């Protein structure tokens, strides 16, 4: 009977130790996630400040374009119902912020890239 209790305590201790190892790993994972979230929050704050500054733009300058736009792609001219058209795709520098769900909650409905079809 005593031997049976010792085995049970030993098994119990092993389960406890195994669980502690697993939980320590989860704690480390959560700490890393918290660091990432704090960095994302800082990035979002910087992004919001940039956008607020852009609300009062009266003239589009090269500096503003460089700060806000990552790339602009212009397609070849093509025809739709005999009307020449061209696609323009604008990708903004704050692209990564839109991939963060918090920004999507704050600024719903906006897109990172815009596709504009212009009549050529």
PDB file of N, CA and C in Angstrom:
ATOM      1  N   UNK A   1       0.828  -1.206   0.000  1.00  0.00           N
ATOM      2  CA  UNK A   1       0.000   0.000   0.000  1.00  0.00           C
ATOM      3  C   UNK A   1       0.868   1.266   0.000  1.00  0.00           C
ATOM      4  N   UNK A   2       1.907   1.288   0.807  1.00  0.00           N
ATOM      5  CA  UNK A   2       2.800   2.439   0.860  1.00  0.00           C
ATOM      6  C   UNK A   2       3.524   2.601  -0.470  1.00  0.00           C
ATOM      7  N   UNK A   3       3.969   1.500  -1.086  1.00  0.00           N
ATOM      8  CA  UNK A   3       4.634   1.534  -2.377  1.00  0.00           C
ATOM      9  C   UNK A   3       3.731   2.163  -3.429  1.00  0.00           C
ATOM     10  N   UNK A   4       2.461   1.841  -3.405  1.00  0.00           N
ATOM     11  CA  UNK A   4       1.485   2.379  -4.358  1.00  0.00           C
ATOM     12  C   UNK A   4       1.363   3.895  -4.199  1.00  0.00           C
ATOM     13  N   UNK A   5       1.370   4.387  -2.976  1.00  0.00           N
ATOM     14  CA  UNK A   5       1.268   5.832  -2.738  1.00  0.00           C
ATOM     15  C   UNK A   5       2.535   6.548  -3.206  1.00  0.00           C
ATOM     16  N   UNK A   6       3.696   5.923  -3.027  1.00  0.00           N
ATOM     17  CA  UNK A   6       4.950   6.525  -3.450  1.00  0.00           C
ATOM     18  C   UNK A   6       4.984   6.638  -4.979  1.00  0.00           C
ATOM     19  N   UNK A   7       4.540   5.625  -5.671  1.00  0.00           N
ATOM     20  CA  UNK A   7       4.485   5.670  -7.130  1.00  0.00           C
ATOM     21  C   UNK A   7       3.522   6.776  -7.572  1.00  0.00           C
ATOM     22  N   UNK A   8       2.387   6.883  -6.935  1.00  0.00           N
ATOM     23  CA  UNK A   8       1.417   7.919  -7.290  1.00  0.00           C
ATOM     24  C   UNK A   8       1.990   9.312  -7.055  1.00  0.00           C
ATOM     25  N   UNK A   9       2.706   9.495  -5.950  1.00  0.00           N
ATOM     26  CA  UNK A   9       3.319  10.796  -5.684  1.00  0.00           C
ATOM     27  C   UNK A   9       4.407  11.089  -6.714  1.00  0.00           C
ATOM     28  N   UNK A  10       5.142  10.077  -7.090  1.00  0.00           N
ATOM     29  CA  UNK A  10       6.183  10.239  -8.093  1.00  0.00           C
ATOM     30  C   UNK A  10       5.581  10.628  -9.445  1.00  0.00           C
ATOM     31  N   UNK A  11       4.518   9.916  -9.814  1.00  0.00           N
ATOM     32  CA  UNK A  11       3.838  10.253 -11.070  1.00  0.00           C
ATOM     33  C   UNK A  11       3.260  11.658 -11.007  1.00  0.00           C
ATOM     34  N   UNK A  12       2.707  11.989  -9.864  1.00  0.00           N
ATOM     35  CA  UNK A  12       2.110  13.318  -9.679  1.00  0.00           C
ATOM     36  C   UNK A  12       3.194  14.401  -9.831  1.00  0.00           C
ATOM     37  N   UNK A  13       4.356  14.164  -9.229  1.00  0.00           N
ATOM     38  CA  UNK A  13       5.453  15.112  -9.308  1.00  0.00           C
ATOM     39  C   UNK A  13       5.929  15.279 -10.761  1.00  0.00           C
ATOM     40  N   UNK A  14       6.007  14.167 -11.495  1.00  0.00           N
ATOM     41  CA  UNK A  14       6.427  14.213 -12.894  1.00  0.00           C
ATOM     42  C   UNK A  14       5.428  15.013 -13.727  1.00  0.00           C
ATOM     43  N   UNK A  15       4.148  14.767 -13.508  1.00  0.00           N
ATOM     44  CA  UNK A  15       3.119  15.525 -14.228  1.00  0.00           C
ATOM     45  C   UNK A  15       3.233  17.017 -13.911  1.00  0.00           C
ATOM     46  N   UNK A  16       3.458  17.314 -12.635  1.00  0.00           N
ATOM     47  CA  UNK A  16       3.613  18.707 -12.216  1.00  0.00           C
ATOM     48  C   UNK A  16       4.810  19.349 -12.919  1.00  0.00           C
ATOM     49  N   UNK A  17       5.947  18.665 -12.901  1.00  0.00           N
ATOM     50  CA  UNK A  17       7.155  19.187 -13.547  1.00  0.00           C
ATOM     51  C   UNK A  17       6.947  19.386 -15.051  1.00  0.00           C
ATOM     52  N   UNK A  18       6.310  18.420 -15.701  1.00  0.00           N
ATOM     53  CA  UNK A  18       6.027  18.530 -17.137  1.00  0.00           C
ATOM     54  C   UNK A  18       5.126  19.731 -17.421  1.00  0.00           C
ATOM     55  N   UNK A  19       4.123  19.902 -16.576  1.00  0.00           N
ATOM     56  CA  UNK A  19       3.199  21.021 -16.757  1.00  0.00           C
ATOM     57  C   UNK A  19       3.919  22.351 -16.558  1.00  0.00           C
ATOM     58  N   UNK A  20       4.833  22.417 -15.594  1.00  0.00           N
ATOM     59  CA  UNK A  20       5.593  23.639 -15.355  1.00  0.00           C
ATOM     60  C   UNK A  20       6.455  24.002 -16.561  1.00  0.00           C
ATOM     61  N   UNK A  21       7.047  23.010 -17.195  1.00  0.00           N
ATOM     62  CA  UNK A  21       7.866  23.253 -18.389  1.00  0.00           C
ATOM     63  C   UNK A  21       6.998  23.814 -19.512  1.00  0.00           C
ATOM     64  N   UNK A  22       5.829  23.206 -19.714  1.00  0.00           N
ATOM     65  CA  UNK A  22       4.905  23.671 -20.760  1.00  0.00           C
ATOM     66  C   UNK A  22       4.453  25.096 -20.464  1.00  0.00           C
ATOM     67  N   UNK A  23       4.075  25.356 -19.216  1.00  0.00           N
ATOM     68  CA  UNK A  23       3.591  26.694 -18.850  1.00  0.00           C
ATOM     69  C   UNK A  23       4.696  27.745 -18.957  1.00  0.00           C
ATOM     70  N   UNK A  24       5.921  27.379 -18.632  1.00  0.00           N
ATOM     71  CA  UNK A  24       7.039  28.324 -18.770  1.00  0.00           C
ATOM     72  C   UNK A  24       7.224  28.696 -20.240  1.00  0.00           C
ATOM     73  N   UNK A  25       7.074  27.727 -21.128  1.00  0.00           N
ATOM     74  CA  UNK A  25       7.162  28.006 -22.560  1.00  0.00           C
ATOM     75  C   UNK A  25       6.047  28.930 -23.020  1.00  0.00           C
ATOM     76  N   UNK A  26       4.852  28.694 -22.502  1.00  0.00           N
ATOM     77  CA  UNK A  26       3.714  29.549 -22.869  1.00  0.00           C
ATOM     78  C   UNK A  26       3.914  30.975 -22.358  1.00  0.00           C
ATOM     79  N   UNK A  27       4.478  31.106 -21.156  1.00  0.00           N
ATOM     80  CA  UNK A  27       4.740  32.437 -20.599  1.00  0.00           C
ATOM     81  C   UNK A  27       5.731  33.181 -21.491  1.00  0.00           C
ATOM     82  N   UNK A  28       6.792  32.514 -21.923  1.00  0.00           N
ATOM     83  CA  UNK A  28       7.773  33.147 -22.808  1.00  0.00           C
ATOM     84  C   UNK A  28       7.126  33.570 -24.125  1.00  0.00           C
ATOM     85  N   UNK A  29       6.277  32.703 -24.657  1.00  0.00           N
ATOM     86  CA  UNK A  29       5.577  33.022 -25.902  1.00  0.00           C
ATOM     87  C   UNK A  29       4.699  34.260 -25.720  1.00  0.00           C
ATOM     88  N   UNK A  30       3.984  34.337 -24.612  1.00  0.00           N
ATOM     89  CA  UNK A  30       3.118  35.489 -24.339  1.00  0.00           C
ATOM     90  C   UNK A  30       3.932  36.767 -24.136  1.00  0.00           C
ATOM     91  N   UNK A  31       5.111  36.645 -23.514  1.00  0.00           N
ATOM     92  CA  UNK A  31       5.974  37.820 -23.342  1.00  0.00           C
ATOM     93  C   UNK A  31       6.412  38.366 -24.701  1.00  0.00           C
ATOM     94  N   UNK A  32       6.762  37.464 -25.626  1.00  0.00           N
ATOM     95  CA  UNK A  32       7.166  37.896 -26.972  1.00  0.00           C
ATOM     96  C   UNK A  32       5.997  38.544 -27.708  1.00  0.00           C
ATOM     97  N   UNK A  33       4.801  37.972 -27.561  1.00  0.00           N
ATOM     98  CA  UNK A  33       3.614  38.560 -28.194  1.00  0.00           C
ATOM     99  C   UNK A  33       3.351  39.954 -27.644  1.00  0.00           C
ATOM    100  N   UNK A  34       3.540  40.123 -26.336  1.00  0.00           N
ATOM    101  CA  UNK A  34       3.328  41.428 -25.708  1.00  0.00           C
ATOM    102  C   UNK A  34       4.318  42.460 -26.249  1.00  0.00           C
ATOM    103  N   UNK A  35       5.567  42.062 -26.425  1.00  0.00           N
ATOM    104  CA  UNK A  35       6.573  42.959 -26.999  1.00  0.00           C
ATOM    105  C   UNK A  35       6.159  43.374 -28.409  1.00  0.00           C
ATOM    106  N   UNK A  36       5.703  42.397 -29.218  1.00  0.00           N
ATOM    107  CA  UNK A  36       5.250  42.695 -30.584  1.00  0.00           C
ATOM    108  C   UNK A  36       4.059  43.643 -30.582  1.00  0.00           C
ATOM    109  N   UNK A  37       3.116  43.421 -29.677  1.00  0.00           N
ATOM    110  CA  UNK A  37       1.937  44.288 -29.605  1.00  0.00           C
ATOM    111  C   UNK A  37       2.317  45.713 -29.210  1.00  0.00           C
ATOM    112  N   UNK A  38       3.252  45.835 -28.274  1.00  0.00           N
ATOM    113  CA  UNK A  38       3.689  47.182 -27.871  1.00  0.00           C
ATOM    114  C   UNK A  38       4.364  47.909 -29.027  1.00  0.00           C
ATOM    115  N   UNK A  39       5.182  47.182 -29.801  1.00  0.00           N
ATOM    116  CA  UNK A  39       5.836  47.785 -30.966  1.00  0.00           C
ATOM    117  C   UNK A  39       4.792  48.188 -32.007  1.00  0.00           C
ATOM    118  N   UNK A  40       3.804  47.312 -32.217  1.00  0.00           N
ATOM    119  CA  UNK A  40       2.738  47.632 -33.168  1.00  0.00           C
ATOM    120  C   UNK A  40       1.982  48.872 -32.722  1.00  0.00           C
ATOM    121  N   UNK A  41       1.739  48.976 -31.432  1.00  0.00           N
ATOM    122  CA  UNK A  41       1.027  50.138 -30.903  1.00  0.00           C
ATOM    123  C   UNK A  41       1.831  51.420 -31.159  1.00  0.00           C
ATOM    124  N   UNK A  42       3.142  51.349 -30.960  1.00  0.00           N
ATOM    125  CA  UNK A  42       3.995  52.512 -31.242  1.00  0.00           C
ATOM    126  C   UNK A  42       3.948  52.863 -32.725  1.00  0.00           C
ATOM    127  N   UNK A  43       4.035  51.837 -33.581  1.00  0.00           N
ATOM    128  CA  UNK A  43       3.993  52.058 -35.027  1.00  0.00           C
ATOM    129  C   UNK A  43       2.671  52.689 -35.438  1.00  0.00           C
ATOM    130  N   UNK A  44       1.587  52.206 -34.860  1.00  0.00           N
ATOM    131  CA  UNK A  44       0.262  52.732 -35.185  1.00  0.00           C
ATOM    132  C   UNK A  44       0.163  54.195 -34.757  1.00  0.00           C
ATOM    133  N   UNK A  45       0.691  54.509 -33.587  1.00  0.00           N
ATOM    134  CA  UNK A  45       0.656  55.902 -33.114  1.00  0.00           C
ATOM    135  C   UNK A  45       1.418  56.818 -34.067  1.00  0.00           C
ATOM    136  N   UNK A  46       2.587  56.359 -34.518  1.00  0.00           N
ATOM    137  CA  UNK A  46       3.361  57.158 -35.479  1.00  0.00           C
ATOM    138  C   UNK A  46       2.574  57.327 -36.776  1.00  0.00           C
ATOM    139  N   UNK A  47       1.956  56.245 -37.225  1.00  0.00           N
ATOM    140  CA  UNK A  47       1.172  56.284 -38.460  1.00  0.00           C
ATOM    141  C   UNK A  47       0.011  57.263 -38.327  1.00  0.00           C
ATOM    142  N   UNK A  48      -0.700  57.214 -37.207  1.00  0.00           N
ATOM    143  CA  UNK A  48      -1.839  58.112 -36.990  1.00  0.00           C
ATOM    144  C   UNK A  48      -1.357  59.563 -36.996  1.00  0.00           C
ATOM    145  N   UNK A  49      -0.209  59.821 -36.361  1.00  0.00           N
ATOM    146  CA  UNK A  49       0.340  61.181 -36.369  1.00  0.00           C
ATOM    147  C   UNK A  49       0.649  61.649 -37.786  1.00  0.00           C
ATOM    148  N   UNK A  50       1.236  60.769 -38.602  1.00  0.00           N
ATOM    149  CA  UNK A  50       1.531  61.132 -39.997  1.00  0.00           C
ATOM    150  C   UNK A  50       0.257  61.472 -40.747  1.00  0.00           C
ATOM    151  N   UNK A  51      -0.762  60.646 -40.566  1.00  0.00           N
ATOM    152  CA  UNK A  51      -2.026  60.873 -41.270  1.00  0.00           C
ATOM    153  C   UNK A  51      -2.665  62.180 -40.802  1.00  0.00           C
ATOM    154  N   UNK A  52      -2.630  62.450 -39.509  1.00  0.00           N
ATOM    155  CA  UNK A  52      -3.196  63.705 -38.998  1.00  0.00           C
ATOM    156  C   UNK A  52      -2.491  64.904 -39.631  1.00  0.00           C
ATOM    157  N   UNK A  53      -1.166  64.804 -39.778  1.00  0.00           N
ATOM    158  CA  UNK A  53      -0.411  65.887 -40.404  1.00  0.00           C
ATOM    159  C   UNK A  53      -0.809  66.068 -41.868  1.00  0.00           C
ATOM    160  N   UNK A  54      -1.225  65.000 -42.504  1.00  0.00           N
ATOM    161  CA  UNK A  54      -1.574  65.058 -43.924  1.00  0.00           C
ATOM    162  C   UNK A  54      -2.987  65.601 -44.166  1.00  0.00           C
ATOM    163  N   UNK A  55      -3.785  65.712 -43.127  1.00  0.00           N
ATOM    164  CA  UNK A  55      -5.154  66.195 -43.306  1.00  0.00           C
ATOM    165  C   UNK A  55      -5.196  67.650 -43.753  1.00  0.00           C
ATOM    166  N   UNK A  56      -4.132  68.382 -43.461  1.00  0.00           N
ATOM    167  CA  UNK A  56      -4.131  69.808 -43.818  1.00  0.00           C
ATOM    168  C   UNK A  56      -3.202  70.105 -44.990  1.00  0.00           C
ATOM    169  N   UNK A  57      -2.880  69.107 -45.788  1.00  0.00           N
ATOM    170  CA  UNK A  57      -2.010  69.318 -46.945  1.00  0.00           C
ATOM    171  C   UNK A  57      -2.724  70.199 -47.968  1.00  0.00           C
ATOM    172  N   UNK A  58      -2.054  71.269 -48.347  1.00  0.00           N
ATOM    173  CA  UNK A  58      -2.616  72.140 -49.370  1.00  0.00           C
ATOM    174  C   UNK A  58      -1.937  71.932 -50.713  1.00  0.00           C
ATOM    175  N   UNK A  59      -0.695  71.427 -50.669  1.00  0.00           N
ATOM    176  CA  UNK A  59       0.048  71.190 -51.896  1.00  0.00           C
ATOM    177  C   UNK A  59       0.816  69.882 -51.734  1.00  0.00           C
ATOM    178  N   UNK A  60       0.685  69.008 -52.702  1.00  0.00           N
ATOM    179  CA  UNK A  60       1.383  67.736 -52.671  1.00  0.00           C
ATOM    180  C   UNK A  60       2.829  67.943 -53.116  1.00  0.00           C
ATOM    181  N   UNK A  61       3.752  67.663 -52.184  1.00  0.00           N
ATOM    182  CA  UNK A  61       5.164  67.836 -52.490  1.00  0.00           C
ATOM    183  C   UNK A  61       5.835  66.474 -52.627  1.00  0.00           C
ATOM    184  N   UNK A  62       7.042  66.502 -53.164  1.00  0.00           N
ATOM    185  CA  UNK A  62       7.809  65.262 -53.303  1.00  0.00           C
ATOM    186  C   UNK A  62       8.029  64.616 -51.937  1.00  0.00           C
ATOM    187  N   UNK A  63       8.334  65.419 -50.911  1.00  0.00           N
ATOM    188  CA  UNK A  63       8.579  64.908 -49.567  1.00  0.00           C
ATOM    189  C   UNK A  63       7.361  64.175 -49.015  1.00  0.00           C
ATOM    190  N   UNK A  64       6.186  64.707 -49.255  1.00  0.00           N
ATOM    191  CA  UNK A  64       4.948  64.070 -48.780  1.00  0.00           C
ATOM    192  C   UNK A  64       4.742  62.737 -49.492  1.00  0.00           C
ATOM    193  N   UNK A  65       4.958  62.736 -50.805  1.00  0.00           N
ATOM    194  CA  UNK A  65       4.790  61.503 -51.590  1.00  0.00           C
ATOM    195  C   UNK A  65       5.776  60.444 -51.112  1.00  0.00           C
ATOM    196  N   UNK A  66       7.020  60.817 -50.904  1.00  0.00           N
ATOM    197  CA  UNK A  66       8.047  59.864 -50.456  1.00  0.00           C
ATOM    198  C   UNK A  66       7.698  59.309 -49.077  1.00  0.00           C
ATOM    199  N   UNK A  67       7.159  60.147 -48.215  1.00  0.00           N
ATOM    200  CA  UNK A  67       6.820  59.717 -46.863  1.00  0.00           C
ATOM    201  C   UNK A  67       5.622  58.773 -46.838  1.00  0.00           C
ATOM    202  N   UNK A  68       4.655  58.981 -47.709  1.00  0.00           N
ATOM    203  CA  UNK A  68       3.409  58.223 -47.641  1.00  0.00           C
ATOM    204  C   UNK A  68       3.298  57.061 -48.625  1.00  0.00           C
ATOM    205  N   UNK A  69       3.936  57.170 -49.783  1.00  0.00           N
ATOM    206  CA  UNK A  69       3.710  56.187 -50.841  1.00  0.00           C
ATOM    207  C   UNK A  69       4.933  55.308 -51.028  1.00  0.00           C
ATOM    208  N   UNK A  70       4.703  54.003 -51.021  1.00  0.00           N
ATOM    209  CA  UNK A  70       5.781  53.041 -51.224  1.00  0.00           C
ATOM    210  C   UNK A  70       6.020  52.813 -52.707  1.00  0.00           C
ATOM    211  N   UNK A  71       4.950  52.627 -53.455  1.00  0.00           N
ATOM    212  CA  UNK A  71       5.119  52.410 -54.895  1.00  0.00           C
ATOM    213  C   UNK A  71       3.842  52.794 -55.645  1.00  0.00           C
ATOM    214  N   UNK A  72       4.038  53.100 -56.924  1.00  0.00           N
ATOM    215  CA  UNK A  72       2.934  53.389 -57.832  1.00  0.00           C
ATOM    216  C   UNK A  72       3.172  52.564 -59.084  1.00  0.00           C
ATOM    217  N   UNK A  73       2.203  51.729 -59.443  1.00  0.00           N
ATOM    218  CA  UNK A  73       2.308  50.913 -60.651  1.00  0.00           C
ATOM    219  C   UNK A  73       1.271  51.408 -61.658  1.00  0.00           C
ATOM    220  N   UNK A  74       1.717  51.622 -62.883  1.00  0.00           N
ATOM    221  CA  UNK A  74       0.832  52.083 -63.941  1.00  0.00           C
ATOM    222  C   UNK A  74       0.820  51.019 -65.032  1.00  0.00           C
ATOM    223  N   UNK A  75      -0.365  50.551 -65.375  1.00  0.00           N
ATOM    224  CA  UNK A  75      -0.473  49.493 -66.380  1.00  0.00           C
ATOM    225  C   UNK A  75      -0.377  50.063 -67.788  1.00  0.00           C
ATOM    226  N   UNK A  76      -0.239  49.156 -68.737  1.00  0.00           N
ATOM    227  CA  UNK A  76      -0.320  49.534 -70.146  1.00  0.00           C
ATOM    228  C   UNK A  76      -1.750  50.003 -70.429  1.00  0.00           C
ATOM    229  N   UNK A  77      -1.900  50.790 -71.446  1.00  0.00           N
ATOM    230  CA  UNK A  77      -3.231  51.227 -71.858  1.00  0.00           C
ATOM    231  C   UNK A  77      -3.954  50.029 -72.487  1.00  0.00           C
ATOM    232  N   UNK A  78      -5.202  49.843 -72.109  1.00  0.00           N
ATOM    233  CA  UNK A  78      -6.031  48.790 -72.685  1.00  0.00           C
ATOM    234  C   UNK A  78      -7.420  49.380 -72.946  1.00  0.00           C
ATOM    235  N   UNK A  79      -8.208  48.683 -73.706  1.00  0.00           N
ATOM    236  CA  UNK A  79      -9.533  49.206 -74.066  1.00  0.00           C
ATOM    237  C   UNK A  79     -10.641  48.388 -73.424  1.00  0.00           C
ATOM    238  N   UNK A  80     -11.649  49.105 -72.974  1.00  0.00           N
ATOM    239  CA  UNK A  80     -12.880  48.490 -72.488  1.00  0.00           C
ATOM    240  C   UNK A  80     -14.005  49.180 -73.237  1.00  0.00           C
ATOM    241  N   UNK A  81     -14.739  48.418 -74.013  1.00  0.00           N
ATOM    242  CA  UNK A  81     -15.806  48.984 -74.861  1.00  0.00           C
ATOM    243  C   UNK A  81     -15.274  50.121 -75.720  1.00  0.00           C
ATOM    244  N   UNK A  82     -14.106  49.883 -76.308  1.00  0.00           N
ATOM    245  CA  UNK A  82     -13.445  50.821 -77.207  1.00  0.00           C
ATOM    246  C   UNK A  82     -13.016  52.125 -76.537  1.00  0.00           C
ATOM    247  N   UNK A  83     -12.970  52.135 -75.190  1.00  0.00           N
ATOM    248  CA  UNK A  83     -12.501  53.313 -74.453  1.00  0.00           C
ATOM    249  C   UNK A  83     -11.135  52.966 -73.850  1.00  0.00           C
ATOM    250  N   UNK A  84     -10.090  53.715 -74.209  1.00  0.00           N
ATOM    251  CA  UNK A  84      -8.761  53.424 -73.651  1.00  0.00           C
ATOM    252  C   UNK A  84      -8.749  53.673 -72.135  1.00  0.00           C
ATOM    253  N   UNK A  85      -8.151  52.723 -71.399  1.00  0.00           N
ATOM    254  CA  UNK A  85      -8.068  52.855 -69.943  1.00  0.00           C
ATOM    255  C   UNK A  85      -6.692  52.398 -69.464  1.00  0.00           C
ATOM    256  N   UNK A  86      -6.389  52.772 -68.218  1.00  0.00           N
ATOM    257  CA  UNK A  86      -5.130  52.410 -67.590  1.00  0.00           C
ATOM    258  C   UNK A  86      -5.391  52.197 -66.104  1.00  0.00           C
ATOM    259  N   UNK A  87      -4.736  51.178 -65.522  1.00  0.00           N
ATOM    260  CA  UNK A  87      -4.847  50.952 -64.080  1.00  0.00           C
ATOM    261  C   UNK A  87      -3.668  51.608 -63.381  1.00  0.00           C
ATOM    262  N   UNK A  88      -3.945  52.217 -62.248  1.00  0.00           N
ATOM    263  CA  UNK A  88      -2.898  52.797 -61.407  1.00  0.00           C
ATOM    264  C   UNK A  88      -3.070  52.188 -60.020  1.00  0.00           C
ATOM    265  N   UNK A  89      -2.018  51.527 -59.543  1.00  0.00           N
ATOM    266  CA  UNK A  89      -2.072  50.898 -58.220  1.00  0.00           C
ATOM    267  C   UNK A  89      -1.104  51.634 -57.305  1.00  0.00           C
ATOM    268  N   UNK A  90      -1.641  52.179 -56.197  1.00  0.00           N
ATOM    269  CA  UNK A  90      -0.839  52.923 -55.233  1.00  0.00           C
ATOM    270  C   UNK A  90      -0.735  52.089 -53.962  1.00  0.00           C
ATOM    271  N   UNK A  91       0.503  51.813 -53.538  1.00  0.00           N
ATOM    272  CA  UNK A  91       0.733  51.083 -52.292  1.00  0.00           C
ATOM    273  C   UNK A  91       1.364  52.053 -51.303  1.00  0.00           C
ATOM    274  N   UNK A  92       0.722  52.201 -50.151  1.00  0.00           N
ATOM    275  CA  UNK A  92       1.173  53.167 -49.152  1.00  0.00           C
ATOM    276  C   UNK A  92       2.223  52.570 -48.221  1.00  0.00           C
ATOM    277  N   UNK A  93       3.046  53.426 -47.653  1.00  0.00           N
ATOM    278  CA  UNK A  93       4.116  52.995 -46.739  1.00  0.00           C
ATOM    279  C   UNK A  93       3.563  52.406 -45.449  1.00  0.00           C
ATOM    280  N   UNK A  94       2.386  52.786 -45.045  1.00  0.00           N
ATOM    281  CA  UNK A  94       1.834  52.284 -43.795  1.00  0.00           C
ATOM    282  C   UNK A  94       1.114  50.956 -43.990  1.00  0.00           C
ATOM    283  N   UNK A  95       1.479  50.251 -45.042  1.00  0.00           N
ATOM    284  CA  UNK A  95       0.938  48.946 -45.396  1.00  0.00           C
ATOM    285  C   UNK A  95       0.874  47.995 -44.205  1.00  0.00           C
ATOM    286  N   UNK A  96       1.980  47.845 -43.464  1.00  0.00           N
ATOM    287  CA  UNK A  96       2.032  46.867 -42.376  1.00  0.00           C
ATOM    288  C   UNK A  96       1.047  47.203 -41.272  1.00  0.00           C
ATOM    289  N   UNK A  97       0.731  48.483 -41.091  1.00  0.00           N
ATOM    290  CA  UNK A  97      -0.221  48.855 -40.056  1.00  0.00           C
ATOM    291  C   UNK A  97      -1.626  48.354 -40.358  1.00  0.00           C
ATOM    292  N   UNK A  98      -1.965  48.270 -41.642  1.00  0.00           N
ATOM    293  CA  UNK A  98      -3.285  47.781 -41.993  1.00  0.00           C
ATOM    294  C   UNK A  98      -3.408  46.290 -41.796  1.00  0.00           C
ATOM    295  N   UNK A  99      -2.280  45.601 -41.749  1.00  0.00           N
ATOM    296  CA  UNK A  99      -2.317  44.163 -41.521  1.00  0.00           C
ATOM    297  C   UNK A  99      -2.575  43.860 -40.058  1.00  0.00           C
ATOM    298  N   UNK A 100      -2.423  44.859 -39.200  1.00  0.00           N
ATOM    299  CA  UNK A 100      -2.662  44.698 -37.782  1.00  0.00           C
ATOM    300  C   UNK A 100      -4.157  44.876 -37.532  1.00  0.00           C
ATOM    301  N   UNK A 101      -4.764  43.938 -36.839  1.00  0.00           N
ATOM    302  CA  UNK A 101      -6.215  43.971 -36.611  1.00  0.00           C
ATOM    303  C   UNK A 101      -6.670  45.211 -35.864  1.00  0.00           C
ATOM    304  N   UNK A 102      -5.831  45.752 -34.961  1.00  0.00           N
ATOM    305  CA  UNK A 102      -6.226  46.941 -34.214  1.00  0.00           C
ATOM    306  C   UNK A 102      -6.504  48.101 -35.163  1.00  0.00           C
ATOM    307  N   UNK A 103      -5.657  48.280 -36.159  1.00  0.00           N
ATOM    308  CA  UNK A 103      -5.870  49.363 -37.113  1.00  0.00           C
ATOM    309  C   UNK A 103      -7.132  49.100 -37.903  1.00  0.00           C
ATOM    310  N   UNK A 104      -7.372  47.859 -38.267  1.00  0.00           N
ATOM    311  CA  UNK A 104      -8.591  47.544 -39.004  1.00  0.00           C
ATOM    312  C   UNK A 104      -9.823  47.873 -38.183  1.00  0.00           C
ATOM    313  N   UNK A 105      -9.729  47.737 -36.850  1.00  0.00           N
ATOM    314  CA  UNK A 105     -10.843  48.114 -35.995  1.00  0.00           C
ATOM    315  C   UNK A 105     -11.003  49.629 -35.959  1.00  0.00           C
ATOM    316  N   UNK A 106      -9.860  50.332 -35.938  1.00  0.00           N
ATOM    317  CA  UNK A 106      -9.891  51.794 -35.844  1.00  0.00           C
ATOM    318  C   UNK A 106     -10.300  52.423 -37.177  1.00  0.00           C
ATOM    319  N   UNK A 107      -9.745  51.928 -38.258  1.00  0.00           N
ATOM    320  CA  UNK A 107      -9.971  52.513 -39.577  1.00  0.00           C
ATOM    321  C   UNK A 107     -10.586  51.453 -40.480  1.00  0.00           C
ATOM    322  N   UNK A 108     -11.819  51.117 -40.255  1.00  0.00           N
ATOM    323  CA  UNK A 108     -12.436  50.078 -41.068  1.00  0.00           C
ATOM    324  C   UNK A 108     -12.844  50.646 -42.419  1.00  0.00           C
ATOM    325  N   UNK A 109     -12.718  49.820 -43.425  1.00  0.00           N
ATOM    326  CA  UNK A 109     -13.146  50.221 -44.753  1.00  0.00           C
ATOM    327  C   UNK A 109     -12.056  50.799 -45.615  1.00  0.00           C
ATOM    328  N   UNK A 110     -10.930  51.179 -45.068  1.00  0.00           N
ATOM    329  CA  UNK A 110      -9.835  51.715 -45.879  1.00  0.00           C
ATOM    330  C   UNK A 110      -8.957  50.577 -46.359  1.00  0.00           C
ATOM    331  N   UNK A 111      -8.331  50.772 -47.504  1.00  0.00           N
ATOM    332  CA  UNK A 111      -7.482  49.736 -48.078  1.00  0.00           C
ATOM    333  C   UNK A 111      -6.045  50.218 -48.138  1.00  0.00           C
ATOM    334  N   UNK A 112      -5.136  49.277 -48.083  1.00  0.00           N
ATOM    335  CA  UNK A 112      -3.723  49.594 -48.154  1.00  0.00           C
ATOM    336  C   UNK A 112      -3.335  50.022 -49.542  1.00  0.00           C
ATOM    337  N   UNK A 113      -3.809  49.317 -50.530  1.00  0.00           N
ATOM    338  CA  UNK A 113      -3.526  49.686 -51.904  1.00  0.00           C
ATOM    339  C   UNK A 113      -4.815  50.164 -52.547  1.00  0.00           C
ATOM    340  N   UNK A 114      -4.666  51.103 -53.427  1.00  0.00           N
ATOM    341  CA  UNK A 114      -5.841  51.561 -54.159  1.00  0.00           C
ATOM    342  C   UNK A 114      -5.631  51.244 -55.631  1.00  0.00           C
ATOM    343  N   UNK A 115      -6.674  50.808 -56.276  1.00  0.00           N
ATOM    344  CA  UNK A 115      -6.616  50.590 -57.717  1.00  0.00           C
ATOM    345  C   UNK A 115      -7.526  51.630 -58.340  1.00  0.00           C
ATOM    346  N   UNK A 116      -6.943  52.441 -59.162  1.00  0.00           N
ATOM    347  CA  UNK A 116      -7.687  53.497 -59.836  1.00  0.00           C
ATOM    348  C   UNK A 116      -7.621  53.212 -61.329  1.00  0.00           C
ATOM    349  N   UNK A 117      -8.771  53.227 -61.966  1.00  0.00           N
ATOM    350  CA  UNK A 117      -8.790  53.066 -63.412  1.00  0.00           C
ATOM    351  C   UNK A 117      -9.033  54.430 -64.027  1.00  0.00           C
ATOM    352  N   UNK A 118      -8.086  54.852 -64.824  1.00  0.00           N
ATOM    353  CA  UNK A 118      -8.183  56.160 -65.445  1.00  0.00           C
ATOM    354  C   UNK A 118      -8.442  56.008 -66.933  1.00  0.00           C
ATOM    355  N   UNK A 119      -9.236  56.898 -67.445  1.00  0.00           N
ATOM    356  CA  UNK A 119      -9.459  56.913 -68.892  1.00  0.00           C
ATOM    357  C   UNK A 119      -8.262  57.608 -69.510  1.00  0.00           C
ATOM    358  N   UNK A 120      -7.599  56.908 -70.430  1.00  0.00           N
ATOM    359  CA  UNK A 120      -6.373  57.427 -71.035  1.00  0.00           C
ATOM    360  C   UNK A 120      -6.689  58.406 -72.145  1.00  0.00           C
TER     361      UNK A 120
END
